[in-house]
Amino acid sequence: MGNREGRQKGVPATTYVITVPGTFLNEVPDSVCSDVGRRLRPQDPRNTDLGESEELSLLSVEDDGVFAARVEVEAADRSEAEAEAVRLVSRALRDSGLSEGDAALGQAVVTGIDSEF
């Protein structure tokens, strides 16, 4: 993986692994969590060297409703990668039937950068 041509021709893109933390504010059935994970599957960080070596899970949920979604994103820089990760996770939650009142997202953070240096 590593640096590649981005969405705009000539703009290099880097593959980032981004963690988006959150909290389910209401009880969420396992089937909904599975659906969120399925919707995020194309961005599974296990496709990266970091995700594979660290055995990163796509979606982990604790008993108290705290969760972490880890996604692979290609972007020109860190802030673009974090914003795209939040969009992807928000869409997966919404498409799985959860509203903003059901799940609060925290600040996205770079978990790793996949490069060939």
N, C-alpha and C. Protein backbone atom coordinates (compact mmCIF):
# COMPACT_ATOMS: atom_id res chain seq x y z
N MET A 1 0.84 -1.16 0.00
CA MET A 1 0.00 0.00 0.00
C MET A 1 0.89 1.23 0.00
N GLY A 2 0.67 2.19 0.90
CA GLY A 2 1.53 3.36 0.96
C GLY A 2 1.00 4.50 0.13
N ASN A 3 1.91 5.36 -0.29
CA ASN A 3 1.50 6.54 -1.06
C ASN A 3 1.00 6.15 -2.44
N ARG A 4 -0.08 6.75 -2.84
CA ARG A 4 -0.69 6.51 -4.15
C ARG A 4 -1.25 7.80 -4.67
N GLU A 5 -1.62 7.79 -5.93
CA GLU A 5 -2.28 8.97 -6.48
C GLU A 5 -3.67 9.06 -5.87
N GLY A 6 -4.01 10.24 -5.40
CA GLY A 6 -5.29 10.45 -4.72
C GLY A 6 -6.43 10.64 -5.69
N ARG A 7 -7.56 11.08 -5.11
CA ARG A 7 -8.75 11.31 -5.92
C ARG A 7 -8.51 12.37 -6.97
N GLN A 8 -7.74 13.39 -6.63
CA GLN A 8 -7.40 14.43 -7.59
C GLN A 8 -6.08 14.03 -8.23
N LYS A 9 -6.04 14.03 -9.54
CA LYS A 9 -4.85 13.59 -10.23
C LYS A 9 -3.63 14.38 -9.76
N GLY A 10 -2.56 13.64 -9.45
CA GLY A 10 -1.33 14.26 -9.03
C GLY A 10 -1.22 14.52 -7.53
N VAL A 11 -2.29 14.30 -6.77
CA VAL A 11 -2.25 14.49 -5.33
C VAL A 11 -2.00 13.14 -4.67
N PRO A 12 -0.83 12.99 -4.01
CA PRO A 12 -0.55 11.70 -3.39
C PRO A 12 -1.50 11.42 -2.23
N ALA A 13 -1.91 10.18 -2.11
CA ALA A 13 -2.78 9.78 -1.00
C ALA A 13 -2.03 8.74 -0.17
N THR A 14 -2.27 8.79 1.12
CA THR A 14 -1.67 7.86 2.05
C THR A 14 -2.80 7.04 2.66
N THR A 15 -2.51 5.78 2.98
CA THR A 15 -3.49 4.94 3.63
C THR A 15 -3.33 5.10 5.14
N TYR A 16 -4.40 5.54 5.78
CA TYR A 16 -4.43 5.73 7.23
C TYR A 16 -5.35 4.69 7.86
N VAL A 17 -5.03 4.28 9.07
CA VAL A 17 -5.96 3.53 9.90
C VAL A 17 -6.43 4.52 10.96
N ILE A 18 -7.74 4.74 10.98
CA ILE A 18 -8.35 5.73 11.87
C ILE A 18 -9.27 5.02 12.85
N THR A 19 -9.19 5.41 14.11
CA THR A 19 -10.11 4.91 15.14
C THR A 19 -11.12 6.00 15.45
N VAL A 20 -12.40 5.62 15.36
CA VAL A 20 -13.49 6.53 15.71
C VAL A 20 -14.17 5.95 16.95
N PRO A 21 -13.98 6.58 18.12
CA PRO A 21 -14.62 6.08 19.34
C PRO A 21 -16.06 6.57 19.43
N GLY A 22 -16.85 5.88 20.20
CA GLY A 22 -18.22 6.31 20.39
C GLY A 22 -18.88 5.59 21.55
N THR A 23 -20.11 5.98 21.79
CA THR A 23 -20.90 5.35 22.84
C THR A 23 -22.32 5.16 22.33
N PHE A 24 -22.82 3.94 22.48
CA PHE A 24 -24.22 3.70 22.20
C PHE A 24 -24.99 4.21 23.41
N LEU A 25 -25.89 5.16 23.20
CA LEU A 25 -26.61 5.80 24.28
C LEU A 25 -27.83 5.00 24.72
N ASN A 26 -28.22 4.06 23.89
CA ASN A 26 -29.32 3.15 24.21
C ASN A 26 -28.82 1.74 23.94
N GLU A 27 -29.50 0.76 24.49
CA GLU A 27 -29.10 -0.62 24.24
C GLU A 27 -29.26 -0.94 22.75
N VAL A 28 -28.22 -1.53 22.18
CA VAL A 28 -28.21 -1.85 20.76
C VAL A 28 -28.08 -3.37 20.62
N PRO A 29 -29.02 -3.98 19.90
CA PRO A 29 -28.95 -5.44 19.71
C PRO A 29 -27.68 -5.85 18.96
N ASP A 30 -27.22 -7.05 19.23
CA ASP A 30 -26.04 -7.59 18.54
C ASP A 30 -26.23 -7.58 17.03
N SER A 31 -27.46 -7.80 16.57
CA SER A 31 -27.71 -7.84 15.13
C SER A 31 -27.42 -6.48 14.49
N VAL A 32 -27.70 -5.38 15.21
CA VAL A 32 -27.42 -4.05 14.68
C VAL A 32 -25.91 -3.81 14.66
N CYS A 33 -25.20 -4.23 15.71
CA CYS A 33 -23.74 -4.11 15.72
C CYS A 33 -23.13 -4.90 14.57
N SER A 34 -23.66 -6.07 14.31
CA SER A 34 -23.17 -6.89 13.19
C SER A 34 -23.42 -6.18 11.87
N ASP A 35 -24.57 -5.53 11.76
CA ASP A 35 -24.90 -4.80 10.53
C ASP A 35 -23.95 -3.62 10.32
N VAL A 36 -23.63 -2.91 11.40
CA VAL A 36 -22.68 -1.79 11.31
C VAL A 36 -21.33 -2.33 10.83
N GLY A 37 -20.88 -3.43 11.42
CA GLY A 37 -19.62 -4.04 11.01
C GLY A 37 -19.63 -4.46 9.55
N ARG A 38 -20.74 -5.02 9.10
CA ARG A 38 -20.85 -5.45 7.71
C ARG A 38 -20.76 -4.24 6.76
N ARG A 39 -21.38 -3.15 7.15
CA ARG A 39 -21.35 -1.94 6.30
C ARG A 39 -19.95 -1.32 6.25
N LEU A 40 -19.17 -1.51 7.30
CA LEU A 40 -17.81 -0.97 7.33
C LEU A 40 -16.78 -1.92 6.72
N ARG A 41 -17.17 -3.15 6.45
CA ARG A 41 -16.23 -4.18 6.00
C ARG A 41 -15.31 -3.74 4.85
N PRO A 42 -15.76 -2.98 3.86
CA PRO A 42 -14.82 -2.58 2.80
C PRO A 42 -13.66 -1.71 3.30
N GLN A 43 -13.80 -1.12 4.49
CA GLN A 43 -12.74 -0.29 5.05
C GLN A 43 -12.00 -1.00 6.17
N ASP A 44 -12.07 -2.33 6.20
CA ASP A 44 -11.45 -3.12 7.26
C ASP A 44 -9.95 -2.86 7.33
N PRO A 45 -9.42 -2.42 8.49
CA PRO A 45 -7.99 -2.14 8.59
C PRO A 45 -7.11 -3.38 8.51
N ARG A 46 -7.69 -4.56 8.59
CA ARG A 46 -6.88 -5.78 8.46
C ARG A 46 -6.30 -5.92 7.06
N ASN A 47 -6.79 -5.09 6.13
CA ASN A 47 -6.23 -5.09 4.78
C ASN A 47 -4.89 -4.37 4.73
N THR A 48 -4.50 -3.70 5.81
CA THR A 48 -3.23 -2.97 5.85
C THR A 48 -2.21 -3.79 6.63
N ASP A 49 -0.94 -3.48 6.44
CA ASP A 49 0.11 -4.16 7.20
C ASP A 49 -0.07 -3.94 8.70
N LEU A 50 -0.39 -2.70 9.09
CA LEU A 50 -0.59 -2.39 10.50
C LEU A 50 -1.77 -3.16 11.07
N GLY A 51 -2.88 -3.13 10.36
CA GLY A 51 -4.08 -3.81 10.84
C GLY A 51 -3.88 -5.29 10.99
N GLU A 52 -3.14 -5.89 10.08
CA GLU A 52 -2.87 -7.32 10.15
C GLU A 52 -1.93 -7.65 11.30
N SER A 53 -0.85 -6.89 11.43
CA SER A 53 0.14 -7.18 12.48
C SER A 53 -0.41 -6.90 13.87
N GLU A 54 -1.24 -5.88 14.01
CA GLU A 54 -1.81 -5.52 15.31
C GLU A 54 -3.13 -6.23 15.59
N GLU A 55 -3.61 -6.99 14.61
CA GLU A 55 -4.89 -7.69 14.73
C GLU A 55 -6.02 -6.74 15.13
N LEU A 56 -6.08 -5.62 14.44
CA LEU A 56 -7.11 -4.62 14.72
C LEU A 56 -8.49 -5.14 14.32
N SER A 57 -9.44 -4.97 15.19
CA SER A 57 -10.81 -5.35 14.86
C SER A 57 -11.52 -4.15 14.27
N LEU A 58 -12.40 -4.42 13.35
CA LEU A 58 -13.15 -3.38 12.67
C LEU A 58 -14.07 -2.63 13.64
N LEU A 59 -14.78 -3.37 14.48
CA LEU A 59 -15.71 -2.76 15.44
C LEU A 59 -15.64 -3.56 16.73
N SER A 60 -15.31 -2.87 17.80
CA SER A 60 -15.33 -3.52 19.11
C SER A 60 -16.31 -2.77 20.00
N VAL A 61 -17.12 -3.53 20.74
CA VAL A 61 -18.15 -2.94 21.60
C VAL A 61 -18.00 -3.53 22.99
N GLU A 62 -17.94 -2.66 23.98
CA GLU A 62 -17.85 -3.08 25.38
C GLU A 62 -19.25 -3.24 25.96
N ASP A 63 -19.34 -3.89 27.11
CA ASP A 63 -20.63 -4.13 27.76
C ASP A 63 -21.36 -2.84 28.12
N ASP A 64 -20.62 -1.75 28.37
CA ASP A 64 -21.26 -0.49 28.76
C ASP A 64 -21.66 0.37 27.57
N GLY A 65 -21.53 -0.17 26.34
CA GLY A 65 -21.95 0.56 25.15
C GLY A 65 -20.86 1.37 24.49
N VAL A 66 -19.69 1.44 25.10
CA VAL A 66 -18.57 2.15 24.49
C VAL A 66 -18.07 1.30 23.32
N PHE A 67 -17.81 1.96 22.18
CA PHE A 67 -17.33 1.22 21.03
C PHE A 67 -16.19 1.96 20.35
N ALA A 68 -15.48 1.22 19.51
CA ALA A 68 -14.42 1.80 18.68
C ALA A 68 -14.53 1.17 17.30
N ALA A 69 -14.64 2.02 16.31
CA ALA A 69 -14.64 1.56 14.92
C ALA A 69 -13.27 1.92 14.34
N ARG A 70 -12.61 0.96 13.72
CA ARG A 70 -11.30 1.20 13.11
C ARG A 70 -11.44 0.96 11.62
N VAL A 71 -11.14 2.00 10.85
CA VAL A 71 -11.32 1.92 9.41
C VAL A 71 -10.06 2.34 8.67
N GLU A 72 -9.93 1.81 7.47
CA GLU A 72 -8.84 2.16 6.57
C GLU A 72 -9.36 3.25 5.63
N VAL A 73 -8.59 4.33 5.50
CA VAL A 73 -9.00 5.46 4.67
C VAL A 73 -7.80 5.95 3.87
N GLU A 74 -8.01 6.24 2.61
CA GLU A 74 -6.97 6.88 1.80
C GLU A 74 -7.28 8.36 1.74
N ALA A 75 -6.28 9.17 2.05
CA ALA A 75 -6.48 10.63 2.06
C ALA A 75 -5.15 11.32 1.83
N ALA A 76 -5.24 12.60 1.47
CA ALA A 76 -4.04 13.40 1.23
C ALA A 76 -3.36 13.79 2.53
N ASP A 77 -4.15 13.92 3.63
CA ASP A 77 -3.54 14.29 4.90
C ASP A 77 -4.38 13.75 6.06
N ARG A 78 -3.84 13.94 7.25
CA ARG A 78 -4.44 13.41 8.47
C ARG A 78 -5.85 13.94 8.71
N SER A 79 -6.05 15.24 8.59
CA SER A 79 -7.37 15.81 8.89
C SER A 79 -8.42 15.32 7.90
N GLU A 80 -8.04 15.18 6.63
CA GLU A 80 -8.97 14.64 5.64
C GLU A 80 -9.31 13.18 5.96
N ALA A 81 -8.31 12.43 6.39
CA ALA A 81 -8.53 11.02 6.74
C ALA A 81 -9.48 10.89 7.93
N GLU A 82 -9.26 11.71 8.97
CA GLU A 82 -10.12 11.66 10.15
C GLU A 82 -11.55 12.04 9.80
N ALA A 83 -11.73 13.09 8.99
CA ALA A 83 -13.08 13.52 8.59
C ALA A 83 -13.78 12.44 7.78
N GLU A 84 -13.05 11.81 6.86
CA GLU A 84 -13.64 10.74 6.05
C GLU A 84 -14.04 9.54 6.91
N ALA A 85 -13.22 9.21 7.89
CA ALA A 85 -13.54 8.09 8.79
C ALA A 85 -14.83 8.38 9.57
N VAL A 86 -14.97 9.59 10.06
CA VAL A 86 -16.20 9.95 10.79
C VAL A 86 -17.40 9.85 9.86
N ARG A 87 -17.26 10.31 8.62
CA ARG A 87 -18.37 10.19 7.65
C ARG A 87 -18.74 8.73 7.41
N LEU A 88 -17.73 7.88 7.24
CA LEU A 88 -17.99 6.46 6.98
C LEU A 88 -18.70 5.80 8.16
N VAL A 89 -18.22 6.06 9.37
CA VAL A 89 -18.83 5.45 10.56
C VAL A 89 -20.23 6.00 10.79
N SER A 90 -20.40 7.31 10.64
CA SER A 90 -21.73 7.91 10.79
C SER A 90 -22.73 7.31 9.82
N ARG A 91 -22.31 7.15 8.56
CA ARG A 91 -23.20 6.57 7.55
C ARG A 91 -23.54 5.12 7.88
N ALA A 92 -22.55 4.35 8.33
CA ALA A 92 -22.81 2.95 8.69
C ALA A 92 -23.81 2.85 9.84
N LEU A 93 -23.65 3.72 10.83
CA LEU A 93 -24.59 3.73 11.96
C LEU A 93 -25.99 4.11 11.48
N ARG A 94 -26.08 5.19 10.71
CA ARG A 94 -27.38 5.66 10.20
C ARG A 94 -28.04 4.60 9.32
N ASP A 95 -27.26 4.01 8.40
CA ASP A 95 -27.82 3.00 7.49
C ASP A 95 -28.23 1.73 8.22
N SER A 96 -27.72 1.55 9.45
CA SER A 96 -28.11 0.40 10.27
C SER A 96 -29.30 0.72 11.17
N GLY A 97 -29.86 1.92 10.99
CA GLY A 97 -31.07 2.29 11.72
C GLY A 97 -30.84 3.07 13.00
N LEU A 98 -29.61 3.53 13.23
CA LEU A 98 -29.32 4.28 14.45
C LEU A 98 -29.29 5.78 14.15
N SER A 99 -29.88 6.56 15.04
CA SER A 99 -29.87 8.02 14.88
C SER A 99 -28.70 8.60 15.68
N GLU A 100 -28.48 9.91 15.54
CA GLU A 100 -27.44 10.57 16.32
C GLU A 100 -27.74 10.47 17.81
N GLY A 101 -29.01 10.35 18.15
CA GLY A 101 -29.41 10.19 19.54
C GLY A 101 -29.15 8.79 20.08
N ASP A 102 -28.86 7.84 19.21
CA ASP A 102 -28.56 6.47 19.62
C ASP A 102 -27.08 6.23 19.82
N ALA A 103 -26.24 6.99 19.12
CA ALA A 103 -24.79 6.77 19.18
C ALA A 103 -24.06 8.10 19.08
N ALA A 104 -23.28 8.40 20.08
CA ALA A 104 -22.46 9.61 20.08
C ALA A 104 -21.04 9.25 19.68
N LEU A 105 -20.48 10.00 18.72
CA LEU A 105 -19.12 9.74 18.27
C LEU A 105 -18.15 10.70 18.93
N GLY A 106 -16.97 10.19 19.23
CA GLY A 106 -15.91 11.01 19.79
C GLY A 106 -14.97 11.48 18.69
N GLN A 107 -13.86 12.07 19.09
CA GLN A 107 -12.86 12.59 18.16
C GLN A 107 -12.11 11.44 17.50
N ALA A 108 -12.08 11.44 16.18
CA ALA A 108 -11.33 10.42 15.42
C ALA A 108 -9.84 10.66 15.61
N VAL A 109 -9.09 9.56 15.65
CA VAL A 109 -7.64 9.66 15.81
C VAL A 109 -6.94 8.71 14.84
N VAL A 110 -5.76 9.12 14.41
CA VAL A 110 -4.94 8.26 13.56
C VAL A 110 -4.36 7.15 14.42
N THR A 111 -4.67 5.92 14.07
CA THR A 111 -4.13 4.77 14.77
C THR A 111 -2.82 4.35 14.12
N GLY A 112 -2.72 4.57 12.81
CA GLY A 112 -1.50 4.22 12.10
C GLY A 112 -1.52 4.72 10.68
N ILE A 113 -0.35 4.73 10.09
CA ILE A 113 -0.19 5.11 8.69
C ILE A 113 0.51 3.96 8.01
N ASP A 114 -0.09 3.49 6.93
CA ASP A 114 0.46 2.37 6.17
C ASP A 114 1.28 2.92 5.03
N SER A 115 2.59 2.78 5.14
CA SER A 115 3.46 3.29 4.08
C SER A 115 4.60 2.31 3.83
N GLU A 116 5.29 2.55 2.75
CA GLU A 116 6.37 1.63 2.35
C GLU A 116 7.73 2.28 2.50
N PHE A 117 7.93 3.05 3.55
CA PHE A 117 9.22 3.73 3.73
C PHE A 117 10.22 2.80 4.37
